[in-house]
Amino acid sequence: MRPDELPGIAFDGSIFEAFYREYVESVQRFIVRRVDDPHLAADLTAEVFVAAIKSAATYRGDGAPRAWLLGIARVVVAADLRSRAHEQRVVRRIEGRRLLESDDIARIQERVDAAAQARLLYAALGGLPDGERAVLELIALDDLSIAEAATALGIRPGAARVRLHRARTTLRDELKAEDSTILVRPMEVSP
């Protein structure tokens, strides 16, 4: 999808369908690395696309649509994690289960299982400051470039590079100190 077509997802069903088909797997991969309940993953994926429709008119075209969408996904996941209202979580899970077919649950469960090691590394990232962790996740886990990660986070590429360097250094030191077997693949630092 071309960036200039993205605002059309809010009012043109065919543009939204093409947008959804192109990015749903990226969004689900992003989410299942952060949550382990397939029903919650399905609910959050839907919330990401609803939020994208609502904010499509504000898309400035500064970056790739995928980076913009993963920025929305990050906000949606963070908002869900902050939500502590037990009744709201129960209602969302019940509604999500009613909408899912058994083959949908199996497919999402396979993605949850496949992302188990990514979630272990993600747990190790918990000690990093939010800004550093966010840049590292978007680059290492979601395969965005530094420029795309900066766009998703609303910061400059130079700031993203600094955060990435700090995050990698801190994480490397922590993993060495723990003598962990988790391997962090080398990441290229390029604009």
N, C-alpha and C. Protein backbone atom coordinates (compact mmCIF):
# COMPACT_ATOMS: atom_id res chain seq x y z
N MET A 1 0.85 -1.18 0.00
CA MET A 1 0.00 0.00 0.00
C MET A 1 0.89 1.24 0.00
N ARG A 2 0.53 2.17 -0.85
CA ARG A 2 1.26 3.43 -0.90
C ARG A 2 0.83 4.31 0.27
N PRO A 3 1.79 5.06 0.85
CA PRO A 3 1.44 5.92 1.99
C PRO A 3 0.30 6.90 1.69
N ASP A 4 0.19 7.39 0.46
CA ASP A 4 -0.86 8.36 0.15
C ASP A 4 -2.26 7.73 0.12
N GLU A 5 -2.34 6.39 0.08
CA GLU A 5 -3.63 5.70 0.09
C GLU A 5 -4.14 5.45 1.51
N LEU A 6 -3.26 5.51 2.49
CA LEU A 6 -3.60 5.11 3.85
C LEU A 6 -4.81 5.85 4.43
N PRO A 7 -4.96 7.16 4.28
CA PRO A 7 -6.15 7.81 4.86
C PRO A 7 -7.47 7.22 4.35
N GLY A 8 -7.45 6.57 3.19
CA GLY A 8 -8.67 5.98 2.63
C GLY A 8 -9.21 4.80 3.42
N ILE A 9 -8.45 4.23 4.34
CA ILE A 9 -8.96 3.09 5.12
C ILE A 9 -10.14 3.47 5.98
N ALA A 10 -10.27 4.75 6.28
CA ALA A 10 -11.36 5.20 7.15
C ALA A 10 -12.71 5.24 6.45
N PHE A 11 -12.73 5.29 5.12
CA PHE A 11 -14.02 5.44 4.44
C PHE A 11 -14.20 4.53 3.23
N ASP A 12 -13.17 3.79 2.84
CA ASP A 12 -13.27 2.91 1.67
C ASP A 12 -12.97 1.47 2.11
N GLY A 13 -14.00 0.64 2.06
CA GLY A 13 -13.87 -0.75 2.51
C GLY A 13 -12.83 -1.54 1.75
N SER A 14 -12.69 -1.31 0.46
CA SER A 14 -11.71 -2.08 -0.32
C SER A 14 -10.28 -1.66 0.03
N ILE A 15 -10.07 -0.39 0.30
CA ILE A 15 -8.74 0.06 0.73
C ILE A 15 -8.42 -0.51 2.10
N PHE A 16 -9.43 -0.50 3.01
CA PHE A 16 -9.19 -1.08 4.34
C PHE A 16 -8.88 -2.56 4.23
N GLU A 17 -9.63 -3.28 3.40
CA GLU A 17 -9.40 -4.72 3.25
C GLU A 17 -7.98 -4.99 2.77
N ALA A 18 -7.50 -4.25 1.79
CA ALA A 18 -6.13 -4.43 1.28
C ALA A 18 -5.12 -4.09 2.37
N PHE A 19 -5.37 -3.02 3.12
CA PHE A 19 -4.50 -2.61 4.23
C PHE A 19 -4.45 -3.70 5.29
N TYR A 20 -5.62 -4.20 5.67
CA TYR A 20 -5.71 -5.24 6.69
C TYR A 20 -4.95 -6.50 6.26
N ARG A 21 -5.21 -6.96 5.05
CA ARG A 21 -4.55 -8.18 4.55
C ARG A 21 -3.03 -8.01 4.50
N GLU A 22 -2.57 -6.82 4.16
CA GLU A 22 -1.13 -6.59 4.04
C GLU A 22 -0.43 -6.56 5.41
N TYR A 23 -1.11 -6.07 6.44
CA TYR A 23 -0.43 -5.83 7.72
C TYR A 23 -0.91 -6.66 8.89
N VAL A 24 -1.94 -7.48 8.76
CA VAL A 24 -2.48 -8.20 9.92
C VAL A 24 -1.44 -9.16 10.52
N GLU A 25 -0.66 -9.84 9.69
CA GLU A 25 0.34 -10.76 10.24
C GLU A 25 1.44 -10.02 10.98
N SER A 26 1.88 -8.87 10.49
CA SER A 26 2.88 -8.07 11.19
C SER A 26 2.37 -7.64 12.56
N VAL A 27 1.11 -7.20 12.59
CA VAL A 27 0.52 -6.77 13.85
C VAL A 27 0.39 -7.95 14.81
N GLN A 28 -0.08 -9.10 14.31
CA GLN A 28 -0.22 -10.26 15.19
C GLN A 28 1.14 -10.72 15.72
N ARG A 29 2.18 -10.72 14.87
CA ARG A 29 3.52 -11.10 15.35
C ARG A 29 3.98 -10.14 16.44
N PHE A 30 3.75 -8.85 16.25
CA PHE A 30 4.11 -7.84 17.24
C PHE A 30 3.41 -8.16 18.57
N ILE A 31 2.13 -8.47 18.50
CA ILE A 31 1.34 -8.66 19.72
C ILE A 31 1.67 -9.98 20.41
N VAL A 32 1.81 -11.08 19.67
CA VAL A 32 2.05 -12.37 20.34
C VAL A 32 3.43 -12.45 20.98
N ARG A 33 4.32 -11.54 20.64
CA ARG A 33 5.59 -11.48 21.35
C ARG A 33 5.42 -10.81 22.71
N ARG A 34 4.28 -10.21 22.93
CA ARG A 34 4.04 -9.47 24.16
C ARG A 34 2.94 -10.06 25.04
N VAL A 35 2.06 -10.87 24.48
CA VAL A 35 1.01 -11.52 25.26
C VAL A 35 0.96 -12.99 24.89
N ASP A 36 0.51 -13.81 25.83
CA ASP A 36 0.49 -15.25 25.55
C ASP A 36 -0.91 -15.85 25.48
N ASP A 37 -1.94 -15.05 25.52
CA ASP A 37 -3.32 -15.52 25.42
C ASP A 37 -3.81 -15.26 23.99
N PRO A 38 -4.14 -16.32 23.23
CA PRO A 38 -4.56 -16.10 21.84
C PRO A 38 -5.83 -15.26 21.72
N HIS A 39 -6.72 -15.35 22.69
CA HIS A 39 -7.94 -14.55 22.64
C HIS A 39 -7.63 -13.07 22.83
N LEU A 40 -6.77 -12.79 23.80
CA LEU A 40 -6.35 -11.40 24.02
C LEU A 40 -5.59 -10.88 22.81
N ALA A 41 -4.74 -11.73 22.20
CA ALA A 41 -4.00 -11.32 21.00
C ALA A 41 -4.96 -10.96 19.87
N ALA A 42 -6.01 -11.73 19.70
CA ALA A 42 -7.00 -11.43 18.66
C ALA A 42 -7.72 -10.12 18.97
N ASP A 43 -8.09 -9.91 20.25
CA ASP A 43 -8.76 -8.68 20.64
C ASP A 43 -7.88 -7.46 20.40
N LEU A 44 -6.61 -7.56 20.80
CA LEU A 44 -5.70 -6.43 20.63
C LEU A 44 -5.43 -6.14 19.16
N THR A 45 -5.35 -7.19 18.34
CA THR A 45 -5.17 -6.99 16.90
C THR A 45 -6.34 -6.20 16.34
N ALA A 46 -7.55 -6.58 16.74
CA ALA A 46 -8.73 -5.85 16.28
C ALA A 46 -8.70 -4.40 16.76
N GLU A 47 -8.28 -4.18 18.01
CA GLU A 47 -8.20 -2.83 18.55
C GLU A 47 -7.20 -1.98 17.77
N VAL A 48 -6.09 -2.59 17.35
CA VAL A 48 -5.09 -1.85 16.57
C VAL A 48 -5.70 -1.35 15.27
N PHE A 49 -6.44 -2.21 14.58
CA PHE A 49 -7.03 -1.80 13.31
C PHE A 49 -8.17 -0.79 13.49
N VAL A 50 -8.91 -0.91 14.58
CA VAL A 50 -9.94 0.10 14.86
C VAL A 50 -9.27 1.45 15.13
N ALA A 51 -8.19 1.42 15.91
CA ALA A 51 -7.46 2.67 16.19
C ALA A 51 -6.86 3.24 14.91
N ALA A 52 -6.40 2.38 14.02
CA ALA A 52 -5.83 2.85 12.75
C ALA A 52 -6.90 3.54 11.91
N ILE A 53 -8.10 2.97 11.87
CA ILE A 53 -9.20 3.60 11.13
C ILE A 53 -9.51 4.97 11.72
N LYS A 54 -9.59 5.03 13.06
CA LYS A 54 -9.92 6.29 13.73
C LYS A 54 -8.86 7.36 13.51
N SER A 55 -7.60 6.96 13.38
CA SER A 55 -6.54 7.96 13.25
C SER A 55 -5.99 8.07 11.83
N ALA A 56 -6.61 7.42 10.87
CA ALA A 56 -6.12 7.45 9.49
C ALA A 56 -6.03 8.87 8.94
N ALA A 57 -6.94 9.71 9.32
CA ALA A 57 -6.93 11.08 8.81
C ALA A 57 -5.73 11.88 9.32
N THR A 58 -5.15 11.44 10.43
CA THR A 58 -4.00 12.15 10.99
C THR A 58 -2.67 11.63 10.47
N TYR A 59 -2.70 10.59 9.65
CA TYR A 59 -1.46 10.04 9.09
C TYR A 59 -0.82 11.08 8.19
N ARG A 60 0.44 11.42 8.49
CA ARG A 60 1.12 12.49 7.75
C ARG A 60 1.96 11.96 6.60
N GLY A 61 2.13 10.67 6.50
CA GLY A 61 2.93 10.11 5.43
C GLY A 61 4.42 10.25 5.66
N ASP A 62 4.83 10.51 6.91
CA ASP A 62 6.24 10.70 7.23
C ASP A 62 7.04 9.41 7.15
N GLY A 63 6.40 8.29 7.30
CA GLY A 63 7.10 7.02 7.29
C GLY A 63 6.26 5.95 6.64
N ALA A 64 6.78 4.76 6.66
CA ALA A 64 6.08 3.63 6.07
C ALA A 64 4.81 3.34 6.86
N PRO A 65 3.74 2.93 6.18
CA PRO A 65 2.50 2.59 6.88
C PRO A 65 2.71 1.52 7.96
N ARG A 66 3.60 0.56 7.72
CA ARG A 66 3.86 -0.50 8.71
C ARG A 66 4.42 0.09 10.00
N ALA A 67 5.35 1.02 9.87
CA ALA A 67 5.92 1.65 11.07
C ALA A 67 4.85 2.42 11.83
N TRP A 68 4.00 3.15 11.10
CA TRP A 68 2.90 3.89 11.72
C TRP A 68 1.96 2.93 12.45
N LEU A 69 1.62 1.81 11.80
CA LEU A 69 0.70 0.84 12.39
C LEU A 69 1.32 0.17 13.61
N LEU A 70 2.61 -0.16 13.57
CA LEU A 70 3.25 -0.76 14.75
C LEU A 70 3.37 0.25 15.88
N GLY A 71 3.47 1.53 15.56
CA GLY A 71 3.41 2.55 16.61
C GLY A 71 2.06 2.53 17.30
N ILE A 72 1.01 2.39 16.51
CA ILE A 72 -0.34 2.27 17.08
C ILE A 72 -0.44 1.00 17.92
N ALA A 73 0.10 -0.11 17.40
CA ALA A 73 0.06 -1.38 18.13
C ALA A 73 0.76 -1.25 19.48
N ARG A 74 1.87 -0.56 19.50
CA ARG A 74 2.62 -0.36 20.75
C ARG A 74 1.77 0.39 21.77
N VAL A 75 1.07 1.42 21.33
CA VAL A 75 0.21 2.19 22.22
C VAL A 75 -0.95 1.33 22.71
N VAL A 76 -1.55 0.56 21.82
CA VAL A 76 -2.68 -0.29 22.20
C VAL A 76 -2.25 -1.34 23.22
N VAL A 77 -1.11 -1.99 22.98
CA VAL A 77 -0.64 -3.01 23.92
C VAL A 77 -0.31 -2.38 25.27
N ALA A 78 0.36 -1.23 25.26
CA ALA A 78 0.70 -0.56 26.52
C ALA A 78 -0.56 -0.16 27.29
N ALA A 79 -1.56 0.33 26.58
CA ALA A 79 -2.81 0.72 27.23
C ALA A 79 -3.48 -0.49 27.88
N ASP A 80 -3.43 -1.64 27.19
CA ASP A 80 -4.03 -2.84 27.75
C ASP A 80 -3.28 -3.30 29.00
N LEU A 81 -1.96 -3.22 28.96
CA LEU A 81 -1.16 -3.64 30.11
C LEU A 81 -1.43 -2.74 31.33
N ARG A 82 -1.69 -1.47 31.08
CA ARG A 82 -1.98 -0.54 32.19
C ARG A 82 -3.39 -0.76 32.74
N SER A 83 -4.24 -1.34 31.96
CA SER A 83 -5.62 -1.52 32.38
C SER A 83 -5.70 -2.61 33.44
N ARG A 84 -6.17 -2.27 34.60
CA ARG A 84 -6.25 -3.23 35.71
C ARG A 84 -7.69 -3.53 36.11
N ALA A 85 -8.63 -3.06 35.34
CA ALA A 85 -10.02 -3.28 35.70
C ALA A 85 -10.41 -4.71 35.34
N HIS A 86 -10.56 -5.56 36.34
CA HIS A 86 -10.83 -6.98 36.13
C HIS A 86 -12.09 -7.21 35.29
N GLU A 87 -13.14 -6.48 35.56
CA GLU A 87 -14.39 -6.68 34.83
C GLU A 87 -14.23 -6.40 33.34
N GLN A 88 -13.48 -5.34 32.99
CA GLN A 88 -13.27 -5.02 31.58
C GLN A 88 -12.46 -6.11 30.88
N ARG A 89 -11.44 -6.66 31.54
CA ARG A 89 -10.65 -7.74 30.93
C ARG A 89 -11.51 -8.98 30.70
N VAL A 90 -12.33 -9.32 31.66
CA VAL A 90 -13.18 -10.51 31.52
C VAL A 90 -14.16 -10.32 30.36
N VAL A 91 -14.78 -9.15 30.26
CA VAL A 91 -15.73 -8.88 29.18
C VAL A 91 -15.03 -8.97 27.82
N ARG A 92 -13.85 -8.37 27.69
CA ARG A 92 -13.12 -8.42 26.41
C ARG A 92 -12.79 -9.86 26.01
N ARG A 93 -12.36 -10.65 26.98
CA ARG A 93 -12.00 -12.04 26.67
C ARG A 93 -13.23 -12.85 26.26
N ILE A 94 -14.34 -12.64 26.94
CA ILE A 94 -15.56 -13.37 26.60
C ILE A 94 -16.03 -12.98 25.20
N GLU A 95 -16.04 -11.68 24.90
CA GLU A 95 -16.48 -11.24 23.58
C GLU A 95 -15.56 -11.78 22.49
N GLY A 96 -14.26 -11.77 22.73
CA GLY A 96 -13.30 -12.28 21.74
C GLY A 96 -13.51 -13.76 21.48
N ARG A 97 -13.80 -14.53 22.53
CA ARG A 97 -13.99 -15.97 22.36
C ARG A 97 -15.25 -16.26 21.53
N ARG A 98 -16.29 -15.44 21.69
CA ARG A 98 -17.49 -15.65 20.91
C ARG A 98 -17.26 -15.39 19.42
N LEU A 99 -16.35 -14.50 19.10
CA LEU A 99 -16.12 -14.14 17.71
C LEU A 99 -15.15 -15.09 17.00
N LEU A 100 -14.40 -15.87 17.74
CA LEU A 100 -13.38 -16.73 17.14
C LEU A 100 -13.90 -18.13 16.86
N GLU A 101 -13.52 -18.65 15.72
CA GLU A 101 -13.79 -20.04 15.38
C GLU A 101 -12.65 -20.88 15.93
N SER A 102 -12.85 -22.20 16.03
CA SER A 102 -11.82 -23.06 16.61
C SER A 102 -10.54 -23.06 15.78
N ASP A 103 -10.64 -22.95 14.44
CA ASP A 103 -9.41 -22.92 13.63
C ASP A 103 -8.67 -21.60 13.81
N ASP A 104 -9.40 -20.49 14.10
CA ASP A 104 -8.75 -19.21 14.39
C ASP A 104 -7.95 -19.33 15.69
N ILE A 105 -8.55 -19.96 16.70
CA ILE A 105 -7.88 -20.14 17.98
C ILE A 105 -6.63 -20.98 17.79
N ALA A 106 -6.72 -22.06 17.02
CA ALA A 106 -5.56 -22.92 16.79
C ALA A 106 -4.44 -22.17 16.08
N ARG A 107 -4.78 -21.36 15.08
CA ARG A 107 -3.77 -20.60 14.34
C ARG A 107 -3.08 -19.58 15.25
N ILE A 108 -3.87 -18.88 16.06
CA ILE A 108 -3.28 -17.89 16.97
C ILE A 108 -2.45 -18.60 18.04
N GLN A 109 -2.92 -19.77 18.52
CA GLN A 109 -2.15 -20.52 19.52
C GLN A 109 -0.81 -20.96 18.94
N GLU A 110 -0.78 -21.35 17.66
CA GLU A 110 0.49 -21.69 17.01
C GLU A 110 1.42 -20.50 16.99
N ARG A 111 0.89 -19.31 16.70
CA ARG A 111 1.73 -18.10 16.71
C ARG A 111 2.22 -17.78 18.11
N VAL A 112 1.35 -17.97 19.11
CA VAL A 112 1.76 -17.74 20.50
C VAL A 112 2.89 -18.69 20.86
N ASP A 113 2.75 -19.97 20.52
CA ASP A 113 3.79 -20.96 20.81
C ASP A 113 5.08 -20.64 20.08
N ALA A 114 4.99 -20.23 18.81
CA ALA A 114 6.17 -19.93 18.02
C ALA A 114 6.91 -18.71 18.58
N ALA A 115 6.22 -17.84 19.25
CA ALA A 115 6.84 -16.63 19.77
C ALA A 115 7.29 -16.78 21.22
N ALA A 116 7.30 -18.00 21.76
CA ALA A 116 7.65 -18.22 23.16
C ALA A 116 9.04 -17.72 23.50
N GLN A 117 10.03 -18.02 22.66
CA GLN A 117 11.40 -17.56 22.94
C GLN A 117 11.51 -16.05 22.82
N ALA A 118 10.77 -15.48 21.88
CA ALA A 118 10.78 -14.02 21.76
C ALA A 118 10.22 -13.38 23.03
N ARG A 119 9.20 -14.02 23.63
CA ARG A 119 8.65 -13.48 24.88
C ARG A 119 9.66 -13.59 26.01
N LEU A 120 10.51 -14.66 26.01
CA LEU A 120 11.55 -14.78 27.04
C LEU A 120 12.54 -13.62 26.93
N LEU A 121 12.97 -13.33 25.72
CA LEU A 121 13.87 -12.21 25.52
C LEU A 121 13.17 -10.91 25.90
N TYR A 122 11.90 -10.80 25.53
CA TYR A 122 11.12 -9.61 25.86
C TYR A 122 11.07 -9.42 27.38
N ALA A 123 10.95 -10.50 28.13
CA ALA A 123 10.94 -10.40 29.58
C ALA A 123 12.28 -9.87 30.09
N ALA A 124 13.38 -10.28 29.44
CA ALA A 124 14.70 -9.78 29.82
C ALA A 124 14.83 -8.29 29.53
N LEU A 125 14.06 -7.80 28.59
CA LEU A 125 14.10 -6.38 28.25
C LEU A 125 13.40 -5.51 29.29
N GLY A 126 12.68 -6.16 30.20
CA GLY A 126 11.89 -5.42 31.19
C GLY A 126 12.67 -4.45 32.04
N GLY A 127 13.97 -4.67 32.20
CA GLY A 127 14.79 -3.77 33.01
C GLY A 127 15.23 -2.51 32.29
N LEU A 128 15.00 -2.45 30.99
CA LEU A 128 15.42 -1.27 30.22
C LEU A 128 14.42 -0.13 30.40
N PRO A 129 14.89 1.11 30.33
CA PRO A 129 13.95 2.24 30.32
C PRO A 129 13.01 2.12 29.11
N ASP A 130 11.80 2.63 29.24
CA ASP A 130 10.77 2.47 28.21
C ASP A 130 11.24 2.91 26.82
N GLY A 131 11.85 4.06 26.72
CA GLY A 131 12.27 4.58 25.42
C GLY A 131 13.31 3.70 24.76
N GLU A 132 14.27 3.23 25.53
CA GLU A 132 15.32 2.36 24.98
C GLU A 132 14.74 1.01 24.58
N ARG A 133 13.87 0.47 25.44
CA ARG A 133 13.26 -0.82 25.14
C ARG A 133 12.41 -0.74 23.88
N ALA A 134 11.66 0.34 23.72
CA ALA A 134 10.78 0.48 22.56
C ALA A 134 11.58 0.51 21.27
N VAL A 135 12.69 1.25 21.23
CA VAL A 135 13.51 1.30 20.02
C VAL A 135 14.08 -0.08 19.72
N LEU A 136 14.62 -0.74 20.73
CA LEU A 136 15.21 -2.07 20.52
C LEU A 136 14.18 -3.07 20.02
N GLU A 137 12.97 -3.04 20.59
CA GLU A 137 11.91 -3.96 20.15
C GLU A 137 11.54 -3.72 18.69
N LEU A 138 11.33 -2.47 18.35
CA LEU A 138 10.89 -2.17 16.99
C LEU A 138 11.95 -2.55 15.96
N ILE A 139 13.22 -2.43 16.32
CA ILE A 139 14.29 -2.75 15.37
C ILE A 139 14.61 -4.24 15.38
N ALA A 140 14.82 -4.81 16.57
CA ALA A 140 15.25 -6.21 16.66
C ALA A 140 14.11 -7.20 16.48
N LEU A 141 12.96 -6.91 17.02
CA LEU A 141 11.86 -7.87 16.97
C LEU A 141 10.93 -7.64 15.80
N ASP A 142 10.72 -6.38 15.44
CA ASP A 142 9.74 -6.07 14.41
C ASP A 142 10.37 -5.67 13.08
N ASP A 143 11.69 -5.77 13.00
CA ASP A 143 12.45 -5.55 11.75
C ASP A 143 12.21 -4.18 11.11
N LEU A 144 12.05 -3.16 11.92
CA LEU A 144 11.97 -1.81 11.38
C LEU A 144 13.38 -1.23 11.29
N SER A 145 13.59 -0.31 10.39
CA SER A 145 14.87 0.40 10.33
C SER A 145 14.87 1.43 11.46
N ILE A 146 16.01 2.03 11.70
CA ILE A 146 16.08 3.06 12.74
C ILE A 146 15.15 4.21 12.39
N ALA A 147 15.13 4.61 11.13
CA ALA A 147 14.25 5.71 10.72
C ALA A 147 12.78 5.35 10.92
N GLU A 148 12.40 4.11 10.60
CA GLU A 148 11.01 3.69 10.78
C GLU A 148 10.65 3.61 12.25
N ALA A 149 11.58 3.10 13.08
CA ALA A 149 11.34 3.03 14.52
C ALA A 149 11.18 4.44 15.09
N ALA A 150 12.03 5.35 14.64
CA ALA A 150 11.92 6.74 15.09
C ALA A 150 10.55 7.31 14.73
N THR A 151 10.08 7.02 13.52
CA THR A 151 8.76 7.49 13.10
C THR A 151 7.67 6.90 13.99
N ALA A 152 7.75 5.59 14.24
CA ALA A 152 6.74 4.93 15.07
C ALA A 152 6.70 5.51 16.48
N LEU A 153 7.85 5.96 16.99
CA LEU A 153 7.92 6.49 18.35
C LEU A 153 7.79 8.01 18.40
N GLY A 154 7.77 8.66 17.24
CA GLY A 154 7.66 10.11 17.21
C GLY A 154 8.92 10.82 17.67
N ILE A 155 10.10 10.23 17.41
CA ILE A 155 11.37 10.85 17.78
C ILE A 155 12.24 10.97 16.54
N ARG A 156 13.37 11.64 16.67
CA ARG A 156 14.30 11.80 15.56
C ARG A 156 15.17 10.57 15.43
N PRO A 157 15.65 10.26 14.21
CA PRO A 157 16.51 9.09 14.01
C PRO A 157 17.77 9.12 14.88
N GLY A 158 18.35 10.29 15.10
CA GLY A 158 19.53 10.39 15.96
C GLY A 158 19.24 9.95 17.38
N ALA A 159 18.08 10.36 17.89
CA ALA A 159 17.68 9.95 19.24
C ALA A 159 17.44 8.44 19.28
N ALA A 160 16.89 7.90 18.20
CA ALA A 160 16.65 6.46 18.14
C ALA A 160 17.98 5.71 18.16
N ARG A 161 18.99 6.21 17.44
CA ARG A 161 20.31 5.57 17.43
C ARG A 161 20.93 5.54 18.82
N VAL A 162 20.82 6.66 19.53
CA VAL A 162 21.38 6.74 20.89
C VAL A 162 20.66 5.75 21.80
N ARG A 163 19.33 5.73 21.73
CA ARG A 163 18.56 4.80 22.56
C ARG A 163 18.90 3.35 22.24
N LEU A 164 19.06 3.06 20.95
CA LEU A 164 19.41 1.70 20.54
C LEU A 164 20.76 1.29 21.11
N HIS A 165 21.74 2.18 21.01
CA HIS A 165 23.08 1.88 21.53
C HIS A 165 23.02 1.62 23.04
N ARG A 166 22.33 2.47 23.77
CA ARG A 166 22.22 2.30 25.22
C ARG A 166 21.52 0.99 25.57
N ALA A 167 20.45 0.70 24.86
CA ALA A 167 19.68 -0.52 25.14
C ALA A 167 20.52 -1.76 24.88
N ARG A 168 21.22 -1.79 23.75
CA ARG A 168 22.04 -2.95 23.41
C ARG A 168 23.16 -3.14 24.43
N THR A 169 23.79 -2.04 24.85
CA THR A 169 24.88 -2.12 25.82
C THR A 169 24.36 -2.64 27.16
N THR A 170 23.25 -2.09 27.63
CA THR A 170 22.67 -2.52 28.91
C THR A 170 22.25 -3.98 28.85
N LEU A 171 21.56 -4.36 27.78
CA LEU A 171 21.08 -5.73 27.65
C LEU A 171 22.25 -6.71 27.56
N ARG A 172 23.26 -6.37 26.78
CA ARG A 172 24.45 -7.23 26.65
C ARG A 172 25.11 -7.42 28.02
N ASP A 173 25.26 -6.34 28.79
CA ASP A 173 25.88 -6.43 30.12
C ASP A 173 25.04 -7.29 31.07
N GLU A 174 23.72 -7.10 31.03
CA GLU A 174 22.85 -7.89 31.89
C GLU A 174 22.89 -9.37 31.54
N LEU A 175 22.87 -9.67 30.25
CA LEU A 175 22.89 -11.07 29.83
C LEU A 175 24.23 -11.72 30.15
N LYS A 176 25.33 -10.97 30.05
CA LYS A 176 26.64 -11.50 30.43
C LYS A 176 26.69 -11.76 31.93
N ALA A 177 26.15 -10.83 32.71
CA ALA A 177 26.17 -10.95 34.16
C ALA A 177 25.37 -12.16 34.63
N GLU A 178 24.30 -12.45 33.92
CA GLU A 178 23.46 -13.59 34.29
C GLU A 178 23.96 -14.88 33.67
N ASP A 179 24.97 -14.78 32.78
CA ASP A 179 25.49 -15.94 32.06
C ASP A 179 24.36 -16.67 31.35
N SER A 180 23.52 -15.87 30.68
CA SER A 180 22.32 -16.38 30.04
C SER A 180 22.63 -17.09 28.74
N THR A 181 21.74 -17.99 28.35
CA THR A 181 21.88 -18.67 27.06
C THR A 181 21.07 -17.99 25.98
N ILE A 182 20.37 -16.89 26.33
CA ILE A 182 19.60 -16.16 25.33
C ILE A 182 20.57 -15.44 24.41
N LEU A 183 20.43 -15.65 23.14
CA LEU A 183 21.32 -15.01 22.18
C LEU A 183 20.63 -13.81 21.58
N VAL A 184 21.35 -12.73 21.53
CA VAL A 184 20.85 -11.52 20.89
C VAL A 184 21.56 -11.40 19.57
N ARG A 185 20.79 -11.47 18.45
CA ARG A 185 21.43 -11.40 17.14
C ARG A 185 21.98 -10.01 16.92
N PRO A 186 23.11 -9.88 16.25
CA PRO A 186 23.67 -8.56 15.97
C PRO A 186 22.71 -7.76 15.11
N MET A 187 22.62 -6.49 15.39
CA MET A 187 21.73 -5.62 14.63
C MET A 187 22.57 -4.59 13.91
N GLU A 188 22.25 -4.35 12.66
CA GLU A 188 22.94 -3.33 11.90
C GLU A 188 22.39 -1.98 12.29
N VAL A 189 23.26 -1.02 12.46
CA VAL A 189 22.84 0.34 12.75
C VAL A 189 22.97 1.12 11.45
N SER A 190 21.83 1.33 10.81
CA SER A 190 21.83 2.09 9.56
C SER A 190 20.61 2.98 9.55
N PRO A 191 20.69 4.10 8.88
CA PRO A 191 19.54 5.03 8.86
C PRO A 191 18.36 4.46 8.15
